[in-house]
Amino acid sequence: MGTQFSNGTEVEGVARRSIASFSSYSEAEAAVDKLSDSGFPVERVQIVGRDLKFVEQVTGRFGYVDAALRGAATGGITGLLIGWLFAIFDWFDPIVRSGWLILDAIWFGISVGLVFGLATHAMLRGRRDFASVPSMRAERYEVLVDERFADEARALLSGAGVPPGDTPKSATTAKPVASSRSDTGGSR
């Protein structure tokens, strides 16, 4: 059984042709948006990132002080939320006033978070004493269209003034992969 789209279309093992290739995702997204604006059946289109690279940008050192501060901040926010919930539902009223309950939860969260932050960092024993931001990047993004609709899509893009980008690869057979999340912030 193939992938079924929300409109009932089912696709599996459909031959697809690359109609354009771009150096950035936003350019490929703009091309698909032009197709959508022209009334093209965009459920027949895929944006495929090629030559993927995992890039981890190191942002600085990460020592015991950083671990303690990050743990305390996380614990404090968690304590605030838990204290706020207890205060809203008056689970301990009149024994403890709402404001004191929230403050007690915050300091307790800060204390526990600080200890856990330090303990976690100590268990790593210097193997990871830096902070970083990971990302996945592609060298190029190809717009693939079902073989049956490829010529129409290319004509629509040419008519809309969208350049075809780099020279596209030859016909590709692709099986769609269902994804539970969007690549860059959702659809239009």
Protein backbone atom coordinates (compact mmCIF):
# COMPACT_ATOMS: atom_id res chain seq x y z
CA MET A 1 0.00 0.00 0.00
CA GLY A 2 1.34 3.44 -0.89
CA THR A 3 1.28 6.82 0.77
CA GLN A 4 -2.20 8.31 0.84
CA PHE A 5 -2.60 12.08 0.78
CA SER A 6 -5.36 14.02 2.54
CA ASN A 7 -7.21 14.42 -0.77
CA GLY A 8 -7.34 10.62 -1.26
CA THR A 9 -4.54 10.40 -3.87
CA GLU A 10 -2.32 7.35 -3.40
CA VAL A 11 1.24 7.27 -4.72
CA GLU A 12 3.87 4.53 -4.61
CA GLY A 13 6.90 3.96 -6.76
CA VAL A 14 5.88 6.70 -9.17
CA ALA A 15 8.53 7.78 -11.65
CA ARG A 16 9.47 11.37 -10.94
CA ARG A 17 11.53 13.82 -12.96
CA SER A 18 13.60 16.68 -11.62
CA ILE A 19 12.31 19.89 -13.17
CA ALA A 20 14.58 22.29 -11.30
CA SER A 21 17.45 22.33 -8.83
CA PHE A 22 18.21 25.17 -6.42
CA SER A 23 20.98 26.03 -4.00
CA SER A 24 18.59 26.99 -1.17
CA TYR A 25 15.40 25.53 0.25
CA SER A 26 13.63 28.89 0.03
CA GLU A 27 14.17 28.99 -3.76
CA ALA A 28 12.75 25.47 -4.16
CA GLU A 29 9.84 26.39 -1.88
CA ALA A 30 9.16 29.51 -3.97
CA ALA A 31 9.06 27.38 -7.14
CA VAL A 32 6.51 25.01 -5.59
CA ASP A 33 4.54 28.01 -4.38
CA LYS A 34 4.42 29.32 -7.98
CA LEU A 35 3.09 25.93 -9.09
CA SER A 36 0.45 26.04 -6.36
CA ASP A 37 -0.56 29.58 -7.33
CA SER A 38 -1.00 28.36 -10.92
CA GLY A 39 -3.41 25.63 -9.82
CA PHE A 40 -0.95 22.78 -10.41
CA PRO A 41 -1.68 19.59 -8.39
CA VAL A 42 1.13 20.11 -5.86
CA GLU A 43 0.52 16.70 -4.25
CA ARG A 44 2.52 15.43 -7.26
CA VAL A 45 5.59 17.45 -6.23
CA GLN A 46 8.49 16.71 -3.89
CA ILE A 47 11.35 18.88 -2.68
CA VAL A 48 14.37 16.65 -2.16
CA GLY A 49 17.55 17.77 -0.41
CA ARG A 50 20.65 16.24 -2.03
CA ASP A 51 24.15 15.82 -0.61
CA LEU A 52 23.12 16.20 3.02
CA LYS A 53 25.67 17.31 5.61
CA PHE A 54 25.45 17.28 9.39
CA VAL A 55 26.99 20.50 10.71
CA GLU A 56 27.58 21.18 14.39
CA GLN A 57 28.51 24.77 15.15
CA VAL A 58 30.47 25.01 18.43
CA THR A 59 29.28 28.07 20.33
CA GLY A 60 31.65 28.02 23.31
CA ARG A 61 32.95 26.25 26.36
CA PHE A 62 30.57 24.51 28.75
CA GLY A 63 31.89 24.07 32.30
CA TYR A 64 30.53 23.43 35.77
CA VAL A 65 29.27 27.00 36.20
CA ASP A 66 27.35 26.80 32.90
CA ALA A 67 25.92 23.39 33.86
CA ALA A 68 24.84 24.72 37.27
CA LEU A 69 23.22 27.84 35.78
CA ARG A 70 21.42 25.92 33.05
CA GLY A 71 20.20 23.32 35.56
CA ALA A 72 19.05 26.01 38.01
CA ALA A 73 17.18 27.89 35.26
CA THR A 74 15.45 24.74 34.06
CA GLY A 75 14.58 23.72 37.62
CA GLY A 76 13.32 27.21 38.47
CA ILE A 77 11.01 27.32 35.46
CA THR A 78 9.74 23.82 36.21
CA GLY A 79 9.16 24.80 39.86
CA LEU A 80 7.31 27.94 38.80
CA LEU A 81 4.96 25.95 36.59
CA ILE A 82 4.30 23.28 39.22
CA GLY A 83 3.81 25.88 41.97
CA TRP A 84 1.47 27.87 39.74
CA LEU A 85 -0.63 24.76 39.05
CA PHE A 86 -0.85 23.92 42.75
CA ALA A 87 -1.80 27.54 43.55
CA ILE A 88 -4.49 27.72 40.85
CA PHE A 89 -6.26 24.59 42.02
CA ASP A 90 -5.95 25.52 45.74
CA TRP A 91 -4.85 22.02 46.67
CA PHE A 92 -3.13 23.22 49.86
CA ASP A 93 -5.30 26.21 50.74
CA PRO A 94 -5.64 27.42 53.57
CA ILE A 95 -2.52 25.62 54.86
CA VAL A 96 -0.17 27.46 52.47
CA ARG A 97 -0.98 30.70 50.69
CA SER A 98 -0.70 30.66 46.89
CA GLY A 99 2.22 33.07 46.65
CA TRP A 100 4.33 31.14 49.17
CA LEU A 101 3.54 27.90 47.42
CA ILE A 102 4.86 29.29 44.14
CA LEU A 103 8.01 30.71 45.78
CA ASP A 104 8.70 27.42 47.58
CA ALA A 105 8.31 25.50 44.33
CA ILE A 106 10.68 27.90 42.53
CA TRP A 107 13.52 27.67 45.09
CA PHE A 108 13.09 23.91 45.37
CA GLY A 109 13.20 23.61 41.54
CA ILE A 110 16.32 25.79 41.38
CA SER A 111 18.05 23.67 44.03
CA VAL A 112 17.19 20.32 42.45
CA GLY A 113 17.99 21.61 38.93
CA LEU A 114 21.37 22.93 40.06
CA VAL A 115 22.31 19.60 41.65
CA PHE A 116 21.16 17.59 38.62
CA GLY A 117 22.97 19.96 36.22
CA LEU A 118 26.23 19.58 38.11
CA ALA A 119 25.83 15.80 38.49
CA THR A 120 25.09 15.33 34.80
CA HIS A 121 28.12 17.40 33.77
CA ALA A 122 30.35 15.56 36.24
CA MET A 123 29.28 12.17 34.82
CA LEU A 124 30.54 13.21 31.38
CA ARG A 125 34.06 13.72 32.83
CA GLY A 126 35.12 16.31 30.29
CA ARG A 127 34.08 14.32 27.21
CA ARG A 128 31.73 17.07 26.12
CA ASP A 129 32.76 20.36 27.69
CA PHE A 130 31.52 22.58 24.90
CA ALA A 131 28.14 23.89 23.76
CA SER A 132 27.00 23.55 20.15
CA VAL A 133 24.08 23.94 17.77
CA PRO A 134 23.52 21.01 15.37
CA SER A 135 21.94 21.40 11.94
CA MET A 136 21.36 19.44 8.74
CA ARG A 137 22.17 21.12 5.43
CA ALA A 138 21.79 20.11 1.82
CA GLU A 139 24.04 21.22 -1.04
CA ARG A 140 21.07 21.56 -3.39
CA TYR A 141 17.30 21.07 -3.45
CA GLU A 142 15.61 19.41 -6.40
CA VAL A 143 11.96 19.85 -7.27
CA LEU A 144 10.69 16.47 -8.44
CA VAL A 145 7.35 16.04 -10.20
CA ASP A 146 5.50 12.88 -11.27
CA GLU A 147 6.68 12.01 -14.79
CA ARG A 148 3.15 12.44 -16.14
CA PHE A 149 3.00 16.09 -14.94
CA ALA A 150 6.66 17.11 -15.33
CA ASP A 151 6.40 18.92 -18.68
CA GLU A 152 3.37 20.91 -17.52
CA ALA A 153 5.15 21.89 -14.28
CA ARG A 154 8.29 22.99 -16.11
CA ALA A 155 6.18 25.08 -18.54
CA LEU A 156 4.34 26.73 -15.63
CA LEU A 157 7.61 27.59 -13.90
CA SER A 158 9.10 28.98 -17.12
CA GLY A 159 5.95 31.04 -17.71
CA ALA A 160 6.08 32.38 -14.13
CA GLY A 161 9.66 33.55 -14.63
CA VAL A 162 11.19 31.02 -12.24
CA PRO A 163 14.61 30.00 -13.54
CA PRO A 164 15.17 26.24 -13.61
CA GLY A 165 18.20 26.64 -11.35
CA ASP A 166 21.06 24.20 -11.88
CA THR A 167 20.84 21.52 -14.51
CA PRO A 168 18.43 18.90 -13.12
CA LYS A 169 19.31 15.23 -12.92
CA SER A 170 17.67 12.69 -15.21
CA ALA A 171 14.38 10.99 -14.38
CA THR A 172 14.22 9.60 -10.87
CA THR A 173 11.99 6.92 -9.43
CA ALA A 174 11.09 7.86 -5.90
CA LYS A 175 8.92 6.36 -3.22
CA PRO A 176 7.43 9.07 -1.02
CA VAL A 177 8.27 8.90 2.64
CA ALA A 178 5.60 10.02 5.06
CA SER A 179 6.89 12.66 7.45
CA SER A 180 5.33 13.73 10.72
CA ARG A 181 6.92 17.18 10.69
CA SER A 182 7.52 19.94 8.21
CA ASP A 183 11.08 20.80 7.16
CA THR A 184 11.08 24.56 7.58
CA GLY A 185 8.16 26.02 9.36
CA GLY A 186 5.10 24.62 7.64
CA SER A 187 3.23 24.94 4.43
CA ARG A 188 1.52 27.85 2.79
